[in-house]
PDB file of all heavy atoms in Angstrom:
ATOM      1  N   ALA A   1     101.564  89.858 108.051  1.00  0.00           N
ATOM      2  CA  ALA A   1     102.864  90.469 108.324  1.00  0.00           C
ATOM      3  C   ALA A   1     102.776  91.467 109.473  1.00  0.00           C
ATOM      4  O   ALA A   1     103.649  91.503 110.349  1.00  0.00           O
ATOM      5  CB  ALA A   1     103.384  91.157 107.060  1.00  0.00           C
ATOM      6  N   LYS A   2     101.720  92.278 109.491  1.00  0.00           N
ATOM      7  CA  LYS A   2     101.554  93.257 110.575  1.00  0.00           C
ATOM      8  C   LYS A   2     101.406  92.544 111.922  1.00  0.00           C
ATOM      9  O   LYS A   2     102.002  92.961 112.922  1.00  0.00           O
ATOM     10  CB  LYS A   2     100.329  94.124 110.306  1.00  0.00           C
ATOM     11  CG  LYS A   2     100.513  95.103 109.135  1.00  0.00           C
ATOM     12  CD  LYS A   2      99.233  95.885 108.874  1.00  0.00           C
ATOM     13  CE  LYS A   2      99.381  96.797 107.662  1.00  0.00           C
ATOM     14  NZ  LYS A   2      98.117  97.508 107.339  1.00  0.00           N
ATOM     15  N   GLY A   3     100.605  91.485 111.950  1.00  0.00           N
ATOM     16  CA  GLY A   3     100.427  90.735 113.187  1.00  0.00           C
ATOM     17  C   GLY A   3     101.712  90.078 113.642  1.00  0.00           C
ATOM     18  O   GLY A   3     102.032  90.048 114.840  1.00  0.00           O
ATOM     19  N   PHE A   4     102.475  89.548 112.692  1.00  0.00           N
ATOM     20  CA  PHE A   4     103.757  88.914 113.006  1.00  0.00           C
ATOM     21  C   PHE A   4     104.707  89.935 113.634  1.00  0.00           C
ATOM     22  O   PHE A   4     105.362  89.646 114.639  1.00  0.00           O
ATOM     23  CB  PHE A   4     104.363  88.328 111.730  1.00  0.00           C
ATOM     24  CG  PHE A   4     105.658  87.593 111.948  1.00  0.00           C
ATOM     25  CD1 PHE A   4     105.670  86.224 112.132  1.00  0.00           C
ATOM     26  CD2 PHE A   4     106.870  88.280 111.970  1.00  0.00           C
ATOM     27  CE1 PHE A   4     106.873  85.550 112.333  1.00  0.00           C
ATOM     28  CE2 PHE A   4     108.074  87.623 112.168  1.00  0.00           C
ATOM     29  CZ  PHE A   4     108.072  86.248 112.347  1.00  0.00           C
ATOM     30  N   ASP A   5     104.771  91.116 113.050  1.00  0.00           N
ATOM     31  CA  ASP A   5     105.671  92.145 113.564  1.00  0.00           C
ATOM     32  C   ASP A   5     105.272  92.588 114.970  1.00  0.00           C
ATOM     33  O   ASP A   5     106.131  92.794 115.845  1.00  0.00           O
ATOM     34  CB  ASP A   5     105.691  93.355 112.631  1.00  0.00           C
ATOM     35  CG  ASP A   5     106.448  93.074 111.344  1.00  0.00           C
ATOM     36  OD1 ASP A   5     107.294  92.163 111.339  1.00  0.00           O
ATOM     37  OD2 ASP A   5     106.191  93.762 110.338  1.00  0.00           O
ATOM     38  N   ILE A   6     103.982  92.740 115.197  1.00  0.00           N
ATOM     39  CA  ILE A   6     103.508  93.116 116.541  1.00  0.00           C
ATOM     40  C   ILE A   6     103.908  92.054 117.551  1.00  0.00           C
ATOM     41  O   ILE A   6     104.435  92.350 118.636  1.00  0.00           O
ATOM     42  CB  ILE A   6     101.983  93.319 116.546  1.00  0.00           C
ATOM     43  CG1 ILE A   6     101.600  94.556 115.721  1.00  0.00           C
ATOM     44  CG2 ILE A   6     101.461  93.472 117.980  1.00  0.00           C
ATOM     45  CD1 ILE A   6     100.107  94.695 115.472  1.00  0.00           C
ATOM     46  N   LEU A   7     103.664  90.796 117.191  1.00  0.00           N
ATOM     47  CA  LEU A   7     103.976  89.698 118.104  1.00  0.00           C
ATOM     48  C   LEU A   7     105.483  89.594 118.335  1.00  0.00           C
ATOM     49  O   LEU A   7     105.928  89.385 119.471  1.00  0.00           O
ATOM     50  CB  LEU A   7     103.429  88.386 117.536  1.00  0.00           C
ATOM     51  CG  LEU A   7     103.572  87.142 118.425  1.00  0.00           C
ATOM     52  CD1 LEU A   7     102.920  87.361 119.776  1.00  0.00           C
ATOM     53  CD2 LEU A   7     102.961  85.926 117.741  1.00  0.00           C
ATOM     54  N   ALA A   8     106.279  89.735 117.286  1.00  0.00           N
ATOM     55  CA  ALA A   8     107.732  89.635 117.441  1.00  0.00           C
ATOM     56  C   ALA A   8     108.261  90.711 118.386  1.00  0.00           C
ATOM     57  O   ALA A   8     109.184  90.456 119.167  1.00  0.00           O
ATOM     58  CB  ALA A   8     108.404  89.746 116.078  1.00  0.00           C
ATOM     59  N   ASP A   9     107.666  91.897 118.350  1.00  0.00           N
ATOM     60  CA  ASP A   9     108.089  92.973 119.239  1.00  0.00           C
ATOM     61  C   ASP A   9     107.770  92.677 120.701  1.00  0.00           C
ATOM     62  O   ASP A   9     108.361  93.286 121.606  1.00  0.00           O
ATOM     63  CB  ASP A   9     107.440  94.291 118.824  1.00  0.00           C
ATOM     64  CG  ASP A   9     108.087  94.898 117.589  1.00  0.00           C
ATOM     65  OD1 ASP A   9     109.233  94.523 117.274  1.00  0.00           O
ATOM     66  OD2 ASP A   9     107.446  95.742 116.934  1.00  0.00           O
ATOM     67  N   LEU A  10     106.852  91.749 120.934  1.00  0.00           N
ATOM     68  CA  LEU A  10     106.507  91.366 122.309  1.00  0.00           C
ATOM     69  C   LEU A  10     107.468  90.322 122.868  1.00  0.00           C
ATOM     70  O   LEU A  10     107.345  89.911 124.016  1.00  0.00           O
ATOM     71  CB  LEU A  10     105.066  90.840 122.354  1.00  0.00           C
ATOM     72  CG  LEU A  10     103.995  91.863 121.958  1.00  0.00           C
ATOM     73  CD1 LEU A  10     102.610  91.217 121.944  1.00  0.00           C
ATOM     74  CD2 LEU A  10     104.013  93.057 122.898  1.00  0.00           C
ATOM     75  N   ARG A  11     108.389  89.881 122.043  1.00  0.00           N
ATOM     76  CA  ARG A  11     109.513  89.016 122.429  1.00  0.00           C
ATOM     77  C   ARG A  11     109.142  87.645 123.002  1.00  0.00           C
ATOM     78  O   ARG A  11     109.709  87.220 124.032  1.00  0.00           O
ATOM     79  CB  ARG A  11     110.430  89.751 123.417  1.00  0.00           C
ATOM     80  CG  ARG A  11     111.147  90.939 122.794  1.00  0.00           C
ATOM     81  CD  ARG A  11     112.041  91.602 123.796  1.00  0.00           C
ATOM     82  NE  ARG A  11     111.289  92.265 124.855  1.00  0.00           N
ATOM     83  CZ  ARG A  11     111.744  92.512 126.064  1.00  0.00           C
ATOM     84  NH1 ARG A  11     112.971  92.134 126.402  1.00  0.00           N
ATOM     85  NH2 ARG A  11     110.995  93.132 126.958  1.00  0.00           N
ATOM     86  N   PRO A  12     108.227  86.914 122.380  1.00  0.00           N
ATOM     87  CA  PRO A  12     108.078  85.515 122.794  1.00  0.00           C
ATOM     88  C   PRO A  12     109.339  84.751 122.409  1.00  0.00           C
ATOM     89  O   PRO A  12     110.061  85.142 121.481  1.00  0.00           O
ATOM     90  CB  PRO A  12     106.868  85.038 121.984  1.00  0.00           C
ATOM     91  CG  PRO A  12     106.861  85.904 120.777  1.00  0.00           C
ATOM     92  CD  PRO A  12     107.372  87.247 121.241  1.00  0.00           C
ATOM     93  N   ASP A  13     109.623  83.675 123.113  1.00  0.00           N
ATOM     94  CA  ASP A  13     110.823  82.890 122.790  1.00  0.00           C
ATOM     95  C   ASP A  13     110.674  82.162 121.461  1.00  0.00           C
ATOM     96  O   ASP A  13     111.677  81.920 120.774  1.00  0.00           O
ATOM     97  CB  ASP A  13     111.092  81.890 123.911  1.00  0.00           C
ATOM     98  CG  ASP A  13     111.449  82.602 125.212  1.00  0.00           C
ATOM     99  OD1 ASP A  13     112.566  83.143 125.287  1.00  0.00           O
ATOM    100  OD2 ASP A  13     110.605  82.645 126.120  1.00  0.00           O
ATOM    101  N   GLU A  14     109.456  81.792 121.120  1.00  0.00           N
ATOM    102  CA  GLU A  14     109.203  81.148 119.832  1.00  0.00           C
ATOM    103  C   GLU A  14     107.901  81.706 119.252  1.00  0.00           C
ATOM    104  O   GLU A  14     106.964  82.001 119.992  1.00  0.00           O
ATOM    105  CB  GLU A  14     109.039  79.631 119.975  1.00  0.00           C
ATOM    106  CG  GLU A  14     110.274  78.880 120.400  1.00  0.00           C
ATOM    107  CD  GLU A  14     110.005  77.388 120.511  1.00  0.00           C
ATOM    108  OE1 GLU A  14     109.226  76.852 119.689  1.00  0.00           O
ATOM    109  OE2 GLU A  14     110.559  76.748 121.420  1.00  0.00           O
ATOM    110  N   ILE A  15     107.865  81.829 117.927  1.00  0.00           N
ATOM    111  CA  ILE A  15     106.619  82.095 117.221  1.00  0.00           C
ATOM    112  C   ILE A  15     106.379  80.913 116.293  1.00  0.00           C
ATOM    113  O   ILE A  15     107.183  80.659 115.387  1.00  0.00           O
ATOM    114  CB  ILE A  15     106.682  83.395 116.402  1.00  0.00           C
ATOM    115  CG1 ILE A  15     106.906  84.604 117.320  1.00  0.00           C
ATOM    116  CG2 ILE A  15     105.393  83.580 115.605  1.00  0.00           C
ATOM    117  CD1 ILE A  15     107.087  85.913 116.573  1.00  0.00           C
ATOM    118  N   GLN A  16     105.327  80.184 116.542  1.00  0.00           N
ATOM    119  CA  GLN A  16     104.995  79.049 115.685  1.00  0.00           C
ATOM    120  C   GLN A  16     104.087  79.524 114.566  1.00  0.00           C
ATOM    121  O   GLN A  16     102.953  79.943 114.806  1.00  0.00           O
ATOM    122  CB  GLN A  16     104.282  77.952 116.500  1.00  0.00           C
ATOM    123  CG  GLN A  16     104.023  76.683 115.717  1.00  0.00           C
ATOM    124  CD  GLN A  16     105.300  75.955 115.365  1.00  0.00           C
ATOM    125  OE1 GLN A  16     106.165  75.772 116.213  1.00  0.00           O
ATOM    126  NE2 GLN A  16     105.429  75.547 114.111  1.00  0.00           N
ATOM    127  N   VAL A  17     104.604  79.504 113.343  1.00  0.00           N
ATOM    128  CA  VAL A  17     103.810  79.899 112.188  1.00  0.00           C
ATOM    129  C   VAL A  17     103.162  78.627 111.622  1.00  0.00           C
ATOM    130  O   VAL A  17     103.835  77.794 111.014  1.00  0.00           O
ATOM    131  CB  VAL A  17     104.680  80.589 111.116  1.00  0.00           C
ATOM    132  CG1 VAL A  17     103.843  80.963 109.901  1.00  0.00           C
ATOM    133  CG2 VAL A  17     105.342  81.830 111.703  1.00  0.00           C
ATOM    134  N   GLY A  18     101.879  78.482 111.848  1.00  0.00           N
ATOM    135  CA  GLY A  18     101.164  77.286 111.416  1.00  0.00           C
ATOM    136  C   GLY A  18     100.309  77.569 110.195  1.00  0.00           C
ATOM    137  O   GLY A  18      99.737  78.656 110.073  1.00  0.00           O
ATOM    138  N   ILE A  19     100.226  76.611 109.293  1.00  0.00           N
ATOM    139  CA  ILE A  19      99.358  76.727 108.126  1.00  0.00           C
ATOM    140  C   ILE A  19      98.005  76.130 108.490  1.00  0.00           C
ATOM    141  O   ILE A  19      97.929  75.034 109.053  1.00  0.00           O
ATOM    142  CB  ILE A  19      99.952  75.992 106.908  1.00  0.00           C
ATOM    143  CG1 ILE A  19     101.420  76.414 106.690  1.00  0.00           C
ATOM    144  CG2 ILE A  19      99.120  76.277 105.662  1.00  0.00           C
ATOM    145  CD1 ILE A  19     101.637  77.884 106.437  1.00  0.00           C
ATOM    146  N   LEU A  20      96.936  76.867 108.199  1.00  0.00           N
ATOM    147  CA  LEU A  20      95.588  76.419 108.551  1.00  0.00           C
ATOM    148  C   LEU A  20      95.311  75.025 108.016  1.00  0.00           C
ATOM    149  O   LEU A  20      95.600  74.708 106.862  1.00  0.00           O
ATOM    150  CB  LEU A  20      94.556  77.397 107.984  1.00  0.00           C
ATOM    151  CG  LEU A  20      93.088  77.044 108.238  1.00  0.00           C
ATOM    152  CD1 LEU A  20      92.758  77.107 109.717  1.00  0.00           C
ATOM    153  CD2 LEU A  20      92.176  77.971 107.436  1.00  0.00           C
ATOM    154  N   LYS A  21      94.733  74.184 108.873  1.00  0.00           N
ATOM    155  CA  LYS A  21      94.335  72.828 108.480  1.00  0.00           C
ATOM    156  C   LYS A  21      92.837  72.702 108.654  1.00  0.00           C
ATOM    157  O   LYS A  21      92.260  73.238 109.603  1.00  0.00           O
ATOM    158  CB  LYS A  21      95.066  71.779 109.329  1.00  0.00           C
ATOM    159  CG  LYS A  21      96.573  71.826 109.187  1.00  0.00           C
ATOM    160  CD  LYS A  21      97.244  70.891 110.168  1.00  0.00           C
ATOM    161  CE  LYS A  21      98.757  70.930 110.024  1.00  0.00           C
ATOM    162  NZ  LYS A  21      99.310  72.261 110.324  1.00  0.00           N
ATOM    163  N   ARG A  22      92.227  71.947 107.774  1.00  0.00           N
ATOM    164  CA  ARG A  22      90.788  71.721 107.887  1.00  0.00           C
ATOM    165  C   ARG A  22      90.543  70.466 108.721  1.00  0.00           C
ATOM    166  O   ARG A  22      90.665  69.346 108.236  1.00  0.00           O
ATOM    167  CB  ARG A  22      90.141  71.557 106.512  1.00  0.00           C
ATOM    168  CG  ARG A  22      88.612  71.438 106.603  1.00  0.00           C
ATOM    169  CD  ARG A  22      88.009  71.018 105.287  1.00  0.00           C
ATOM    170  NE  ARG A  22      86.566  70.857 105.396  1.00  0.00           N
ATOM    171  CZ  ARG A  22      85.965  69.783 105.919  1.00  0.00           C
ATOM    172  NH1 ARG A  22      86.696  68.796 106.404  1.00  0.00           N
ATOM    173  NH2 ARG A  22      84.648  69.716 105.992  1.00  0.00           N
ATOM    174  N   LEU A  23      90.263  70.657 109.994  1.00  0.00           N
ATOM    175  CA  LEU A  23      89.946  69.540 110.881  1.00  0.00           C
ATOM    176  C   LEU A  23      88.502  69.133 110.639  1.00  0.00           C
ATOM    177  O   LEU A  23      87.602  69.971 110.607  1.00  0.00           O
ATOM    178  CB  LEU A  23      90.139  69.955 112.336  1.00  0.00           C
ATOM    179  CG  LEU A  23      91.547  70.472 112.700  1.00  0.00           C
ATOM    180  CD1 LEU A  23      91.590  70.862 114.167  1.00  0.00           C
ATOM    181  CD2 LEU A  23      92.600  69.436 112.380  1.00  0.00           C
ATOM    182  N   LYS A  24      88.274  67.850 110.481  1.00  0.00           N
ATOM    183  CA  LYS A  24      86.924  67.352 110.207  1.00  0.00           C
ATOM    184  C   LYS A  24      85.981  67.747 111.337  1.00  0.00           C
ATOM    185  O   LYS A  24      86.244  67.479 112.499  1.00  0.00           O
ATOM    186  CB  LYS A  24      86.954  65.840 110.011  1.00  0.00           C
ATOM    187  CG  LYS A  24      87.620  65.411 108.721  1.00  0.00           C
ATOM    188  CD  LYS A  24      87.590  63.898 108.567  1.00  0.00           C
ATOM    189  CE  LYS A  24      88.149  63.482 107.209  1.00  0.00           C
ATOM    190  NZ  LYS A  24      89.549  63.893 107.029  1.00  0.00           N
ATOM    191  N   GLY A  25      84.894  68.379 110.973  1.00  0.00           N
ATOM    192  CA  GLY A  25      83.898  68.792 111.953  1.00  0.00           C
ATOM    193  C   GLY A  25      84.070  70.217 112.433  1.00  0.00           C
ATOM    194  O   GLY A  25      83.153  70.770 113.053  1.00  0.00           O
ATOM    195  N   ALA A  26      85.214  70.843 112.172  1.00  0.00           N
ATOM    196  CA  ALA A  26      85.443  72.208 112.645  1.00  0.00           C
ATOM    197  C   ALA A  26      84.534  73.185 111.906  1.00  0.00           C
ATOM    198  O   ALA A  26      84.404  73.108 110.675  1.00  0.00           O
ATOM    199  CB  ALA A  26      86.904  72.588 112.461  1.00  0.00           C
ATOM    200  N   PRO A  27      83.918  74.129 112.614  1.00  0.00           N
ATOM    201  CA  PRO A  27      82.930  75.043 112.001  1.00  0.00           C
ATOM    202  C   PRO A  27      83.506  75.990 110.953  1.00  0.00           C
ATOM    203  O   PRO A  27      82.743  76.647 110.251  1.00  0.00           O
ATOM    204  CB  PRO A  27      82.383  75.831 113.200  1.00  0.00           C
ATOM    205  CG  PRO A  27      82.732  75.031 114.402  1.00  0.00           C
ATOM    206  CD  PRO A  27      83.984  74.300 114.071  1.00  0.00           C
ATOM    207  N   ILE A  28      84.823  76.062 110.841  1.00  0.00           N
ATOM    208  CA  ILE A  28      85.407  77.002 109.879  1.00  0.00           C
ATOM    209  C   ILE A  28      84.989  76.682 108.449  1.00  0.00           C
ATOM    210  O   ILE A  28      85.068  77.531 107.564  1.00  0.00           O
ATOM    211  CB  ILE A  28      86.956  77.007 109.999  1.00  0.00           C
ATOM    212  CG1 ILE A  28      87.515  78.272 109.354  1.00  0.00           C
ATOM    213  CG2 ILE A  28      87.563  75.734 109.405  1.00  0.00           C
ATOM    214  CD1 ILE A  28      88.979  78.514 109.657  1.00  0.00           C
ATOM    215  N   SER A  29      84.490  75.487 108.223  1.00  0.00           N
ATOM    216  CA  SER A  29      84.045  75.100 106.871  1.00  0.00           C
ATOM    217  C   SER A  29      82.912  75.995 106.368  1.00  0.00           C
ATOM    218  O   SER A  29      82.679  76.075 105.157  1.00  0.00           O
ATOM    219  CB  SER A  29      83.592  73.646 106.864  1.00  0.00           C
ATOM    220  OG  SER A  29      82.519  73.436 107.768  1.00  0.00           O
ATOM    221  N   ARG A  30      82.235  76.697 107.259  1.00  0.00           N
ATOM    222  CA  ARG A  30      81.131  77.559 106.829  1.00  0.00           C
ATOM    223  C   ARG A  30      81.622  78.749 105.993  1.00  0.00           C
ATOM    224  O   ARG A  30      80.837  79.408 105.314  1.00  0.00           O
ATOM    225  CB  ARG A  30      80.329  78.054 108.036  1.00  0.00           C
ATOM    226  CG  ARG A  30      81.014  79.103 108.886  1.00  0.00           C
ATOM    227  CD  ARG A  30      80.197  79.436 110.136  1.00  0.00           C
ATOM    228  NE  ARG A  30      80.811  80.490 110.942  1.00  0.00           N
ATOM    229  CZ  ARG A  30      80.540  81.787 110.789  1.00  0.00           C
ATOM    230  NH1 ARG A  30      79.687  82.185 109.874  1.00  0.00           N
ATOM    231  NH2 ARG A  30      81.131  82.688 111.570  1.00  0.00           N
ATOM    232  N   HIS A  31      82.935  79.009 106.032  1.00  0.00           N
ATOM    233  CA  HIS A  31      83.506  80.122 105.278  1.00  0.00           C
ATOM    234  C   HIS A  31      84.023  79.696 103.900  1.00  0.00           C
ATOM    235  O   HIS A  31      84.511  80.545 103.153  1.00  0.00           O
ATOM    236  CB  HIS A  31      84.658  80.756 106.058  1.00  0.00           C
ATOM    237  CG  HIS A  31      84.261  81.321 107.379  1.00  0.00           C
ATOM    238  ND1 HIS A  31      83.442  82.425 107.506  1.00  0.00           N
ATOM    239  CD2 HIS A  31      84.562  80.927 108.651  1.00  0.00           C
ATOM    240  CE1 HIS A  31      83.275  82.699 108.796  1.00  0.00           C
ATOM    241  NE2 HIS A  31      83.938  81.804 109.507  1.00  0.00           N
ATOM    242  N   ASP A  32      83.926  78.416 103.593  1.00  0.00           N
ATOM    243  CA  ASP A  32      84.574  77.906 102.384  1.00  0.00           C
ATOM    244  C   ASP A  32      84.130  78.633 101.116  1.00  0.00           C
ATOM    245  O   ASP A  32      84.957  79.004 100.277  1.00  0.00           O
ATOM    246  CB  ASP A  32      84.296  76.408 102.227  1.00  0.00           C
ATOM    247  CG  ASP A  32      85.091  75.578 103.225  1.00  0.00           C
ATOM    248  OD1 ASP A  32      85.887  76.167 103.983  1.00  0.00           O
ATOM    249  OD2 ASP A  32      84.929  74.343 103.245  1.00  0.00           O
ATOM    250  N   LYS A  33      82.842  78.858 100.973  1.00  0.00           N
ATOM    251  CA  LYS A  33      82.333  79.455  99.736  1.00  0.00           C
ATOM    252  C   LYS A  33      82.665  80.936  99.654  1.00  0.00           C
ATOM    253  O   LYS A  33      83.231  81.403  98.651  1.00  0.00           O
ATOM    254  CB  LYS A  33      80.820  79.232  99.624  1.00  0.00           C
ATOM    255  CG  LYS A  33      80.242  79.723  98.314  1.00  0.00           C
ATOM    256  CD  LYS A  33      78.749  79.390  98.208  1.00  0.00           C
ATOM    257  CE  LYS A  33      78.175  79.887  96.883  1.00  0.00           C
ATOM    258  NZ  LYS A  33      76.721  79.561  96.769  1.00  0.00           N
ATOM    259  N   GLU A  34      82.320  81.687 100.705  1.00  0.00           N
ATOM    260  CA  GLU A  34      82.512  83.140 100.658  1.00  0.00           C
ATOM    261  C   GLU A  34      83.970  83.522 100.500  1.00  0.00           C
ATOM    262  O   GLU A  34      84.311  84.454  99.742  1.00  0.00           O
ATOM    263  CB  GLU A  34      81.948  83.784 101.933  1.00  0.00           C
ATOM    264  CG  GLU A  34      82.113  85.293 101.958  1.00  0.00           C
ATOM    265  CD  GLU A  34      81.596  85.931 103.244  1.00  0.00           C
ATOM    266  OE1 GLU A  34      81.062  85.189 104.108  1.00  0.00           O
ATOM    267  OE2 GLU A  34      81.731  87.162 103.384  1.00  0.00           O
ATOM    268  N   TRP A  35      84.865  82.808 101.211  1.00  0.00           N
ATOM    269  CA  TRP A  35      86.281  83.183 101.199  1.00  0.00           C
ATOM    270  C   TRP A  35      87.124  82.267 100.319  1.00  0.00           C
ATOM    271  O   TRP A  35      88.343  82.319 100.374  1.00  0.00           O
ATOM    272  CB  TRP A  35      86.820  83.222 102.633  1.00  0.00           C
ATOM    273  CG  TRP A  35      86.180  84.332 103.412  1.00  0.00           C
ATOM    274  CD1 TRP A  35      85.155  84.226 104.305  1.00  0.00           C
ATOM    275  CD2 TRP A  35      86.481  85.724 103.326  1.00  0.00           C
ATOM    276  NE1 TRP A  35      84.808  85.457 104.789  1.00  0.00           N
ATOM    277  CE2 TRP A  35      85.611  86.407 104.209  1.00  0.00           C
ATOM    278  CE3 TRP A  35      87.402  86.472 102.596  1.00  0.00           C
ATOM    279  CZ2 TRP A  35      85.641  87.786 104.371  1.00  0.00           C
ATOM    280  CZ3 TRP A  35      87.436  87.843 102.757  1.00  0.00           C
ATOM    281  CH2 TRP A  35      86.564  88.491 103.633  1.00  0.00           C
ATOM    282  N   GLU A  36      86.446  81.462  99.499  1.00  0.00           N
ATOM    283  CA  GLU A  36      87.110  80.616  98.493  1.00  0.00           C
ATOM    284  C   GLU A  36      88.237  79.790  99.119  1.00  0.00           C
ATOM    285  O   GLU A  36      89.368  79.738  98.632  1.00  0.00           O
ATOM    286  CB  GLU A  36      87.646  81.483  97.351  1.00  0.00           C
ATOM    287  CG  GLU A  36      86.543  82.269  96.652  1.00  0.00           C
ATOM    288  CD  GLU A  36      87.087  83.265  95.634  1.00  0.00           C
ATOM    289  OE1 GLU A  36      88.267  83.133  95.240  1.00  0.00           O
ATOM    290  OE2 GLU A  36      86.330  84.185  95.241  1.00  0.00           O
ATOM    291  N   MET A  37      87.885  79.108 100.210  1.00  0.00           N
ATOM    292  CA  MET A  37      88.850  78.299 100.943  1.00  0.00           C
ATOM    293  C   MET A  37      88.999  76.941 100.257  1.00  0.00           C
ATOM    294  O   MET A  37      88.038  76.180 100.168  1.00  0.00           O
ATOM    295  CB  MET A  37      88.390  78.108 102.392  1.00  0.00           C
ATOM    296  CG  MET A  37      87.935  79.380 103.099  1.00  0.00           C
ATOM    297  SD  MET A  37      89.266  80.473 103.557  1.00  0.00           S
ATOM    298  CE  MET A  37      89.912  79.622 104.990  1.00  0.00           C
ATOM    299  N   VAL A  38      90.195  76.660  99.794  1.00  0.00           N
ATOM    300  CA  VAL A  38      90.466  75.387  99.119  1.00  0.00           C
ATOM    301  C   VAL A  38      91.557  74.656  99.900  1.00  0.00           C
ATOM    302  O   VAL A  38      92.649  75.185 100.101  1.00  0.00           O
ATOM    303  CB  VAL A  38      90.928  75.609  97.654  1.00  0.00           C
ATOM    304  CG1 VAL A  38      91.261  74.273  97.003  1.00  0.00           C
ATOM    305  CG2 VAL A  38      89.842  76.333  96.868  1.00  0.00           C
ATOM    306  N   TYR A  39      91.232  73.438 100.333  1.00  0.00           N
ATOM    307  CA  TYR A  39      92.148  72.643 101.150  1.00  0.00           C
ATOM    308  C   TYR A  39      92.636  71.419 100.376  1.00  0.00           C
ATOM    309  O   TYR A  39      91.971  70.939  99.459  1.00  0.00           O
ATOM    310  CB  TYR A  39      91.455  72.146 102.424  1.00  0.00           C
ATOM    311  CG  TYR A  39      90.947  73.222 103.346  1.00  0.00           C
ATOM    312  CD1 TYR A  39      89.683  73.782 103.158  1.00  0.00           C
ATOM    313  CD2 TYR A  39      91.712  73.674 104.412  1.00  0.00           C
ATOM    314  CE1 TYR A  39      89.196  74.762 104.017  1.00  0.00           C
ATOM    315  CE2 TYR A  39      91.232  74.652 105.272  1.00  0.00           C
ATOM    316  CZ  TYR A  39      89.975  75.190 105.074  1.00  0.00           C
ATOM    317  OH  TYR A  39      89.488  76.159 105.915  1.00  0.00           O
ATOM    318  N   SER A  40      93.768  70.896 100.789  1.00  0.00           N
ATOM    319  CA  SER A  40      94.231  69.625 100.243  1.00  0.00           C
ATOM    320  C   SER A  40      93.265  68.516 100.651  1.00  0.00           C
ATOM    321  O   SER A  40      92.695  68.550 101.742  1.00  0.00           O
ATOM    322  CB  SER A  40      95.633  69.308 100.778  1.00  0.00           C
ATOM    323  OG  SER A  40      96.011  67.986 100.442  1.00  0.00           O
ATOM    324  N   GLU A  41      93.096  67.549  99.773  1.00  0.00           N
ATOM    325  CA  GLU A  41      92.221  66.412 100.081  1.00  0.00           C
ATOM    326  C   GLU A  41      92.933  65.352 100.924  1.00  0.00           C
ATOM    327  O   GLU A  41      92.311  64.372 101.319  1.00  0.00           O
ATOM    328  CB  GLU A  41      91.719  65.770  98.790  1.00  0.00           C
ATOM    329  CG  GLU A  41      90.785  66.661  97.980  1.00  0.00           C
ATOM    330  CD  GLU A  41      90.279  65.970  96.730  1.00  0.00           C
ATOM    331  OE1 GLU A  41      90.869  64.939  96.340  1.00  0.00           O
ATOM    332  OE2 GLU A  41      89.295  66.462  96.146  1.00  0.00           O
ATOM    333  N   HIS A  42      94.200  65.550 101.159  1.00  0.00           N
ATOM    334  CA  HIS A  42      95.004  64.545 101.857  1.00  0.00           C
ATOM    335  C   HIS A  42      95.556  65.108 103.160  1.00  0.00           C
ATOM    336  O   HIS A  42      95.847  66.314 103.254  1.00  0.00           O
ATOM    337  CB  HIS A  42      96.145  64.071 100.955  1.00  0.00           C
ATOM    338  CG  HIS A  42      95.683  63.580  99.617  1.00  0.00           C
ATOM    339  ND1 HIS A  42      95.046  62.372  99.451  1.00  0.00           N
ATOM    340  CD2 HIS A  42      95.734  64.169  98.391  1.00  0.00           C
ATOM    341  CE1 HIS A  42      94.741  62.211  98.167  1.00  0.00           C
ATOM    342  NE2 HIS A  42      95.139  63.290  97.505  1.00  0.00           N
TER     343      HIS A  42
END
């Protein structure tokens, strides 16, 4: 929310709010255990 408000005050024409996706091969998978990251299987 804080980041959204900061960005909105900078007046971009659009703010794309994206939900994190697990792309196959992306290194973010290394955080799965520590941060309890659970993704859809589909």
